[in-house]
Amino acid sequence: MLRWNLYWVESEPGENCFVVSRTSRSAAKHDEDTLGLDAGAAKATLIKPIPEEALKSWAVAEKRVERTLDFFSASEGRLGYADDGLLKMLGAEFMQQEGARVTLLDRKKYRTAGFEETYDRSWSPIKTCEDLIARVKLLPKGNWLHRGQRLSTWNLTCAVSRHPYRKRRGKLNRTEYERRLLEEFKRRAVPYLHPSRRPESDWEWLALARHHGLPTRLLDWSRNPLVALYFAVAESIGDDDASITSYLHNQSPVDARKTDPLGINCVELYEPTMISDRLVAQHSVFTAEPDRRGGAKTSEQEGRQLHTWIVSAKAAPSIRQQLAVLGLSRVTLFPDLDSLCADIREIRFNPVPETGAYSLRRRRLGSMAGAMKILGDIVGPTGSSNDSED
């Protein structure tokens, strides 16, 4: 009997896919039949045979995955589309580039159109600050919050619910784990706090802890969409799309004086007291997620809205430059000596042979005034720059 192989099937633009089959023709025919294409419209290219060990592992793993009958089943011997779980077993990695799904397998890239590209031909990713502002202006009226994420494939999930911390809490439910983390933070953080800025409620303690990296049920948002854009692109290396999500809570903020943050039963909006310079600089607000797996009943509030946009990975460097000119950088959003020194490290002094002078170039500019001063020094009265990028 012929063995199972992994094929890359190309048909209509954007409809390319992975199929597990025994022959190239049956792989192409599967895609043609599923999409209603004419015979011969799809072309299948062999990628690699699937090892027996991977087939046995997938036969067990696939039982935990709900898939339609057009997907491959090792246990039932049914050809079909390759599930991401099987592709991972074969060494695949996934990323988003320019809104498209890209699979990296055996050092080759395979591109599949994303949802927006497939169903909205006018769609395009965010490539400039102006792109984002134009889309935010089209949002319905309301007090929108904005969040940037470095990877567009990340879910909107509070840190304490993410996989590493689910493992670390052992047999504790999430709420008890959170409570112990919070008590430990409150006990050990006091020496680092100025008396005038010591938190006065558990909500304030959670907000402070979250801004310094402790996993909590709080999810960070900003009232400034450009702050969200900064966090989306700040650490991008240009290989994976980021995302911006705008959120309308449409409910009153939680009353922090009357509500236990670890006892909520629906998503709450928390507007923190500005006890930290970071909270002020980042125009910070938070949503708090209830423990959905701790046995407590949860309820949902009506009227909430979400809009998510993809931020181009290739455009990330130029977006960072635009944000720097607008005064959004690490030193302005994290106003402390560590950020100041990181900003100073980015200064480069480049000789200008024609004048014998030096031009100061920085990746991150602290303010529009500083940016215009530097631009004026470089451009000069003629309106043309003598400096060039190498």
Protein backbone atom coordinates (compact mmCIF):
# COMPACT_ATOMS: atom_id res chain seq x y z
CA MET A 1 0.00 0.00 0.00
CA LEU A 2 1.20 3.49 -0.82
CA ARG A 3 2.30 5.53 2.20
CA TRP A 4 0.80 8.82 3.36
CA ASN A 5 2.51 11.95 2.02
CA LEU A 6 2.22 15.66 2.69
CA TYR A 7 1.39 17.74 -0.40
CA TRP A 8 1.23 21.47 -1.07
CA VAL A 9 -1.84 22.08 -3.22
CA GLU A 10 -2.17 25.30 -5.23
CA SER A 11 -5.46 26.33 -6.80
CA GLU A 12 -7.20 29.69 -6.79
CA PRO A 13 -5.16 32.65 -5.50
CA GLY A 14 -5.13 32.49 -1.74
CA GLU A 15 -6.66 29.02 -1.58
CA ASN A 16 -3.38 27.13 -1.33
CA CYS A 17 -3.23 24.47 1.38
CA PHE A 18 -1.59 21.34 2.77
CA VAL A 19 -3.21 18.00 2.01
CA VAL A 20 -2.29 14.53 3.28
CA SER A 21 -2.85 11.89 0.63
CA ARG A 22 -1.23 8.87 -0.99
CA THR A 23 -0.85 10.39 -4.47
CA SER A 24 -0.53 13.87 -5.91
CA ARG A 25 -3.66 13.45 -8.04
CA SER A 26 -5.85 12.41 -5.09
CA ALA A 27 -4.51 15.38 -3.11
CA ALA A 28 -5.40 17.82 -5.90
CA LYS A 29 -8.78 16.18 -6.44
CA HIS A 30 -9.63 16.51 -2.75
CA ASP A 31 -9.14 20.27 -2.94
CA GLU A 32 -11.05 20.52 -6.23
CA ASP A 33 -14.01 18.58 -4.84
CA THR A 34 -14.06 20.53 -1.56
CA LEU A 35 -13.95 23.95 -3.27
CA GLY A 36 -16.10 23.00 -6.25
CA LEU A 37 -13.34 23.57 -8.80
CA ASP A 38 -13.04 22.12 -12.27
CA ALA A 39 -10.95 18.98 -12.71
CA GLY A 40 -7.31 19.93 -13.19
CA ALA A 41 -7.71 23.33 -11.51
CA ALA A 42 -5.49 22.31 -8.57
CA LYS A 43 -1.84 21.29 -8.64
CA ALA A 44 -0.27 19.15 -5.90
CA THR A 45 3.46 19.12 -5.15
CA LEU A 46 5.05 16.51 -2.89
CA ILE A 47 6.68 17.98 0.20
CA LYS A 48 7.67 14.90 2.15
CA PRO A 49 6.51 11.41 3.17
CA ILE A 50 4.97 11.30 6.67
CA PRO A 51 6.95 9.07 9.05
CA GLU A 52 5.12 6.20 10.70
CA GLU A 53 5.95 7.60 14.14
CA ALA A 54 4.20 10.88 13.29
CA LEU A 55 1.16 9.01 11.96
CA LYS A 56 0.86 6.99 15.17
CA SER A 57 1.21 10.09 17.33
CA TRP A 58 -1.36 11.97 15.27
CA ALA A 59 -3.80 9.05 15.42
CA VAL A 60 -3.86 9.57 19.19
CA ALA A 61 -3.70 13.39 19.21
CA GLU A 62 -6.43 13.92 16.60
CA LYS A 63 -9.04 12.52 18.97
CA ARG A 64 -8.69 15.71 21.03
CA VAL A 65 -9.29 17.93 17.99
CA GLU A 66 -12.72 18.62 16.52
CA ARG A 67 -12.39 18.74 12.74
CA THR A 68 -14.72 18.37 9.76
CA LEU A 69 -14.55 15.35 7.48
CA ASP A 70 -12.43 17.17 4.89
CA PHE A 71 -9.42 16.95 7.25
CA PHE A 72 -6.95 14.07 7.31
CA SER A 73 -7.54 11.30 9.85
CA ALA A 74 -4.73 8.85 10.60
CA SER A 75 -6.90 6.63 12.77
CA GLU A 76 -9.62 6.32 10.10
CA GLY A 77 -7.25 6.27 7.11
CA ARG A 78 -9.02 9.23 5.49
CA LEU A 79 -7.16 11.67 3.25
CA GLY A 80 -7.73 15.37 3.78
CA TYR A 81 -6.35 18.74 4.78
CA ALA A 82 -3.42 18.72 7.21
CA ASP A 83 -4.19 20.01 10.70
CA ASP A 84 -1.78 22.49 12.30
CA GLY A 85 -1.07 19.95 15.03
CA LEU A 86 0.17 17.43 12.48
CA LEU A 87 2.22 20.08 10.70
CA LYS A 88 3.89 20.96 14.00
CA MET A 89 4.79 17.29 14.47
CA LEU A 90 6.50 17.48 11.09
CA GLY A 91 8.53 20.51 12.18
CA ALA A 92 6.42 23.39 10.88
CA GLU A 93 6.41 26.89 12.36
CA PHE A 94 3.71 29.50 11.71
CA MET A 95 3.73 33.26 11.29
CA GLN A 96 1.67 36.09 9.81
CA GLN A 97 3.19 38.33 7.13
CA GLU A 98 1.26 41.14 5.44
CA GLY A 99 -1.96 39.54 6.66
CA ALA A 100 -1.13 36.18 5.08
CA ARG A 101 -0.59 32.92 6.89
CA VAL A 102 2.99 31.69 6.32
CA THR A 103 4.14 28.19 7.22
CA LEU A 104 7.86 27.56 7.51
CA LEU A 105 8.68 23.89 6.88
CA ASP A 106 12.09 22.45 6.03
CA ARG A 107 13.43 25.99 5.44
CA LYS A 108 10.77 26.76 2.84
CA LYS A 109 7.89 29.21 3.16
CA TYR A 110 4.32 28.33 2.13
CA ARG A 111 1.87 31.22 1.93
CA THR A 112 -1.89 31.06 2.46
CA ALA A 113 -4.14 34.11 2.32
CA GLY A 114 -5.50 35.35 5.62
CA PHE A 115 -9.20 35.76 6.35
CA GLU A 116 -9.25 39.46 5.49
CA GLU A 117 -7.32 38.99 2.25
CA THR A 118 -9.64 36.19 1.18
CA TYR A 119 -12.98 37.85 1.92
CA ASP A 120 -12.16 41.57 1.61
CA ARG A 121 -10.14 42.41 -1.48
CA SER A 122 -9.84 46.07 -0.41
CA TRP A 123 -8.17 45.06 2.86
CA SER A 124 -4.61 46.14 3.62
CA PRO A 125 -2.46 46.02 6.78
CA ILE A 126 -1.49 49.08 8.80
CA LYS A 127 1.79 50.49 7.50
CA THR A 128 1.90 54.00 8.98
CA CYS A 129 0.64 55.95 11.98
CA GLU A 130 -1.78 57.68 9.63
CA ASP A 131 -3.26 54.32 8.62
CA LEU A 132 -4.14 53.56 12.23
CA ILE A 133 -5.57 57.01 12.98
CA ALA A 134 -7.75 56.83 9.84
CA ARG A 135 -9.26 53.54 11.00
CA VAL A 136 -9.76 54.68 14.57
CA LYS A 137 -11.67 57.70 13.28
CA LEU A 138 -14.14 55.34 11.59
CA LEU A 139 -15.03 53.60 14.85
CA PRO A 140 -18.50 54.29 16.28
CA LYS A 141 -18.70 56.99 18.92
CA GLY A 142 -17.59 55.83 22.35
CA ASN A 143 -14.73 55.60 24.84
CA TRP A 144 -12.53 53.17 22.93
CA LEU A 145 -9.50 51.49 24.45
CA HIS A 146 -6.56 50.24 22.39
CA ARG A 147 -4.06 47.41 22.80
CA GLY A 148 -1.04 46.46 20.68
CA GLN A 149 0.34 42.94 20.52
CA ARG A 150 3.66 41.94 18.98
CA LEU A 151 2.19 38.86 17.30
CA SER A 152 -1.15 38.98 15.50
CA THR A 153 -1.69 35.31 16.38
CA TRP A 154 -1.78 36.01 20.12
CA ASN A 155 -5.13 35.86 21.86
CA LEU A 156 -6.51 38.58 24.12
CA THR A 157 -5.78 36.70 27.33
CA CYS A 158 -4.59 38.02 30.68
CA ALA A 159 -1.10 36.85 31.67
CA VAL A 160 -2.16 34.65 34.56
CA SER A 161 -4.31 32.53 32.22
CA ARG A 162 -1.48 31.85 29.79
CA HIS A 163 0.17 28.46 29.54
CA PRO A 164 3.38 28.97 31.57
CA TYR A 165 1.44 30.11 34.63
CA ARG A 166 -1.21 27.43 34.32
CA LYS A 167 1.62 24.95 34.78
CA ARG A 168 3.28 26.81 37.65
CA ARG A 169 0.20 27.05 39.83
CA GLY A 170 0.07 23.28 40.22
CA LYS A 171 -3.15 22.11 41.87
CA LEU A 172 -4.27 25.61 42.85
CA ASN A 173 -7.18 27.11 40.95
CA ARG A 174 -6.44 30.37 39.18
CA THR A 175 -7.99 32.64 41.81
CA GLU A 176 -6.06 31.07 44.68
CA TYR A 177 -2.85 31.25 42.65
CA GLU A 178 -3.48 34.94 41.94
CA ARG A 179 -4.20 35.64 45.59
CA ARG A 180 -0.91 34.11 46.68
CA LEU A 181 1.06 36.01 44.04
CA LEU A 182 -0.60 39.27 45.08
CA GLU A 183 0.09 38.73 48.78
CA GLU A 184 3.72 37.92 48.03
CA PHE A 185 4.05 41.08 45.93
CA LYS A 186 2.45 43.24 48.62
CA ARG A 187 4.78 41.79 51.24
CA ARG A 188 7.99 42.27 49.29
CA ALA A 189 7.35 45.44 47.24
CA VAL A 190 7.04 47.92 50.13
CA PRO A 191 10.77 48.83 50.33
CA TYR A 192 10.67 49.90 46.67
CA LEU A 193 7.66 52.22 47.00
CA HIS A 194 7.58 55.89 47.90
CA PRO A 195 5.19 56.38 50.86
CA SER A 196 3.09 58.86 48.88
CA ARG A 197 2.53 56.31 46.10
CA ARG A 198 1.78 53.20 48.09
CA PRO A 199 -1.35 51.44 46.74
CA GLU A 200 -4.47 51.71 48.87
CA SER A 201 -6.56 48.87 47.42
CA ASP A 202 -6.05 45.45 45.87
CA TRP A 203 -7.01 46.95 42.49
CA GLU A 204 -4.13 49.43 42.79
CA TRP A 205 -1.74 46.69 43.91
CA LEU A 206 -2.74 44.56 40.91
CA ALA A 207 -2.28 47.46 38.48
CA LEU A 208 1.16 48.24 39.87
CA ALA A 209 2.17 44.57 39.82
CA ARG A 210 0.97 44.12 36.24
CA HIS A 211 2.92 47.13 35.00
CA HIS A 212 6.07 45.59 36.41
CA GLY A 213 5.50 42.16 34.89
CA LEU A 214 3.63 40.12 37.49
CA PRO A 215 1.00 37.83 35.92
CA THR A 216 -2.45 39.01 36.99
CA ARG A 217 -6.03 38.96 35.70
CA LEU A 218 -5.56 42.50 34.38
CA LEU A 219 -5.10 43.12 30.65
CA ASP A 220 -3.35 46.39 29.71
CA TRP A 221 -5.03 48.93 27.41
CA SER A 222 -4.39 52.55 26.51
CA ARG A 223 -6.70 55.41 25.65
CA ASN A 224 -4.12 56.51 23.06
CA PRO A 225 -4.07 54.34 19.91
CA LEU A 226 -0.50 55.40 19.11
CA VAL A 227 0.66 54.02 22.46
CA ALA A 228 -0.89 50.72 21.44
CA LEU A 229 0.90 50.95 18.09
CA TYR A 230 4.20 51.47 19.90
CA PHE A 231 3.78 48.24 21.86
CA ALA A 232 2.79 46.41 18.67
CA VAL A 233 6.03 47.28 16.85
CA ALA A 234 8.57 48.04 19.59
CA GLU A 235 10.15 44.58 19.59
CA SER A 236 9.28 43.50 16.06
CA ILE A 237 12.17 42.14 13.98
CA GLY A 238 10.13 42.27 10.78
CA ASP A 239 9.27 38.60 10.41
CA ASP A 240 5.77 38.46 11.88
CA ASP A 241 2.75 40.77 11.71
CA ALA A 242 1.58 42.53 14.87
CA SER A 243 -1.96 43.59 15.73
CA ILE A 244 -3.96 46.46 17.20
CA THR A 245 -7.25 45.76 18.97
CA SER A 246 -9.73 48.51 19.84
CA TYR A 247 -12.26 47.72 22.54
CA LEU A 248 -15.47 49.43 23.63
CA HIS A 249 -16.53 48.25 27.08
CA ASN A 250 -19.80 50.19 27.02
CA GLN A 251 -20.28 49.79 30.78
CA SER A 252 -19.33 51.92 33.77
CA PRO A 253 -15.92 51.27 35.34
CA VAL A 254 -15.85 49.00 38.36
CA ASP A 255 -16.14 50.62 41.78
CA ALA A 256 -12.79 49.66 43.25
CA ARG A 257 -13.90 50.59 46.76
CA LYS A 258 -16.72 48.06 46.81
CA THR A 259 -15.50 45.22 44.58
CA ASP A 260 -12.94 42.51 45.25
CA PRO A 261 -10.86 42.18 42.05
CA LEU A 262 -10.46 38.45 42.69
CA GLY A 263 -14.20 37.97 43.14
CA ILE A 264 -15.60 39.41 39.89
CA ASN A 265 -17.85 37.27 37.68
CA CYS A 266 -17.65 39.24 34.41
CA VAL A 267 -15.09 41.30 32.50
CA GLU A 268 -14.71 44.61 34.33
CA LEU A 269 -13.16 47.92 33.29
CA TYR A 270 -10.74 49.37 35.83
CA GLU A 271 -9.48 52.96 35.67
CA PRO A 272 -6.44 53.05 37.95
CA THR A 273 -5.33 55.78 40.27
CA MET A 274 -2.15 57.14 38.73
CA ILE A 275 0.26 55.86 41.38
CA SER A 276 2.97 55.15 38.80
CA ASP A 277 4.63 57.36 36.20
CA ARG A 278 4.21 54.54 33.70
CA LEU A 279 0.45 54.51 34.15
CA VAL A 280 0.34 58.23 33.44
CA ALA A 281 2.66 58.13 30.43
CA GLN A 282 0.86 55.21 28.80
CA HIS A 283 -2.69 56.53 29.42
CA SER A 284 -3.33 53.18 31.06
CA VAL A 285 -6.60 51.45 31.77
CA PHE A 286 -7.27 47.78 32.41
CA THR A 287 -9.83 45.11 31.88
CA ALA A 288 -10.07 42.37 34.51
CA GLU A 289 -10.93 38.81 33.51
CA PRO A 290 -12.85 36.54 35.89
CA ASP A 291 -11.66 33.03 36.65
CA ARG A 292 -13.59 30.97 34.09
CA ARG A 293 -12.16 27.64 35.21
CA GLY A 294 -12.30 28.00 38.95
CA GLY A 295 -15.82 26.71 39.38
CA ALA A 296 -17.35 30.17 39.84
CA LYS A 297 -20.21 31.24 37.61
CA THR A 298 -19.36 34.01 35.15
CA SER A 299 -21.61 36.40 33.28
CA GLU A 300 -21.07 38.63 30.27
CA GLN A 301 -21.95 42.28 29.81
CA GLU A 302 -23.82 43.45 26.73
CA GLY A 303 -22.79 46.11 24.27
CA ARG A 304 -19.08 45.38 24.12
CA GLN A 305 -17.31 45.71 20.77
CA LEU A 306 -13.92 44.63 19.40
CA HIS A 307 -12.10 45.65 16.23
CA THR A 308 -8.70 44.17 15.33
CA TRP A 309 -6.28 45.31 12.63
CA ILE A 310 -3.10 43.71 11.34
CA VAL A 311 0.13 45.75 11.48
CA SER A 312 2.58 45.01 8.68
CA ALA A 313 5.76 43.29 9.85
CA LYS A 314 7.78 44.89 7.05
CA ALA A 315 6.59 48.36 8.01
CA ALA A 316 7.52 48.03 11.70
CA PRO A 317 10.90 49.85 11.46
CA SER A 318 9.42 52.86 9.65
CA ILE A 319 6.47 52.96 12.08
CA ARG A 320 8.92 53.07 15.00
CA GLN A 321 10.62 56.06 13.38
CA GLN A 322 7.30 57.83 12.88
CA LEU A 323 6.34 57.21 16.52
CA ALA A 324 9.71 58.53 17.69
CA VAL A 325 9.15 61.78 15.81
CA LEU A 326 5.76 62.03 17.53
CA GLY A 327 7.41 61.62 20.94
CA LEU A 328 6.48 57.99 21.57
CA SER A 329 9.51 55.99 22.64
CA ARG A 330 10.71 53.86 25.50
CA VAL A 331 12.00 56.89 27.40
CA THR A 332 8.63 58.68 27.22
CA LEU A 333 6.47 55.63 27.96
CA PHE A 334 8.75 54.18 30.63
CA PRO A 335 10.03 57.36 32.31
CA ASP A 336 12.91 56.13 34.48
CA LEU A 337 16.70 56.07 34.46
CA ASP A 338 16.88 52.64 32.82
CA SER A 339 14.91 53.92 29.84
CA LEU A 340 16.91 57.14 29.72
CA CYS A 341 20.18 55.21 29.52
CA ALA A 342 18.75 52.89 26.87
CA ASP A 343 17.76 55.98 24.88
CA ILE A 344 21.20 57.54 25.24
CA ARG A 345 22.82 54.32 24.05
CA GLU A 346 21.03 54.76 20.71
CA ILE A 347 22.78 58.08 19.96
CA ARG A 348 25.22 57.92 17.05
CA PHE A 349 27.59 60.72 15.99
CA ASN A 350 28.16 60.59 12.23
CA PRO A 351 30.81 62.78 10.55
CA VAL A 352 29.64 65.00 7.71
CA PRO A 353 32.71 65.41 5.42
CA GLU A 354 31.48 68.52 3.58
CA THR A 355 31.30 70.69 6.70
CA GLY A 356 33.48 68.89 9.18
CA ALA A 357 30.56 69.06 11.63
CA TYR A 358 28.71 66.22 13.27
CA SER A 359 25.05 65.31 12.94
CA LEU A 360 23.25 63.70 15.80
CA ARG A 361 21.08 60.78 14.78
CA ARG A 362 18.82 58.85 17.13
CA ARG A 363 16.39 56.04 16.61
CA ARG A 364 14.14 57.30 19.34
CA LEU A 365 13.41 61.01 19.61
CA GLY A 366 11.91 62.30 22.85
CA SER A 367 9.65 65.00 21.42
CA MET A 368 8.48 66.69 18.25
CA ALA A 369 10.55 69.77 19.16
CA GLY A 370 13.67 67.65 19.48
CA ALA A 371 12.92 65.95 16.18
CA MET A 372 12.45 69.25 14.35
CA LYS A 373 15.66 70.65 15.82
CA ILE A 374 17.67 67.68 14.61
CA LEU A 375 16.00 67.75 11.20
CA GLY A 376 16.80 71.46 10.92
CA ASP A 377 20.43 70.85 11.81
CA ILE A 378 20.73 68.15 9.15
CA VAL A 379 18.70 69.73 6.33
CA GLY A 380 19.92 73.29 6.64
CA PRO A 381 18.50 76.36 4.86
CA THR A 382 18.55 74.87 1.35
CA GLY A 383 15.94 72.22 2.16
CA SER A 384 18.18 69.33 1.07
CA SER A 385 20.10 66.97 3.32
CA ASN A 386 23.82 66.37 2.94
CA ASP A 387 23.49 63.22 5.02
CA SER A 388 22.63 59.81 3.60
CA GLU A 389 21.88 56.36 4.89
CA ASP A 390 24.46 53.72 4.13
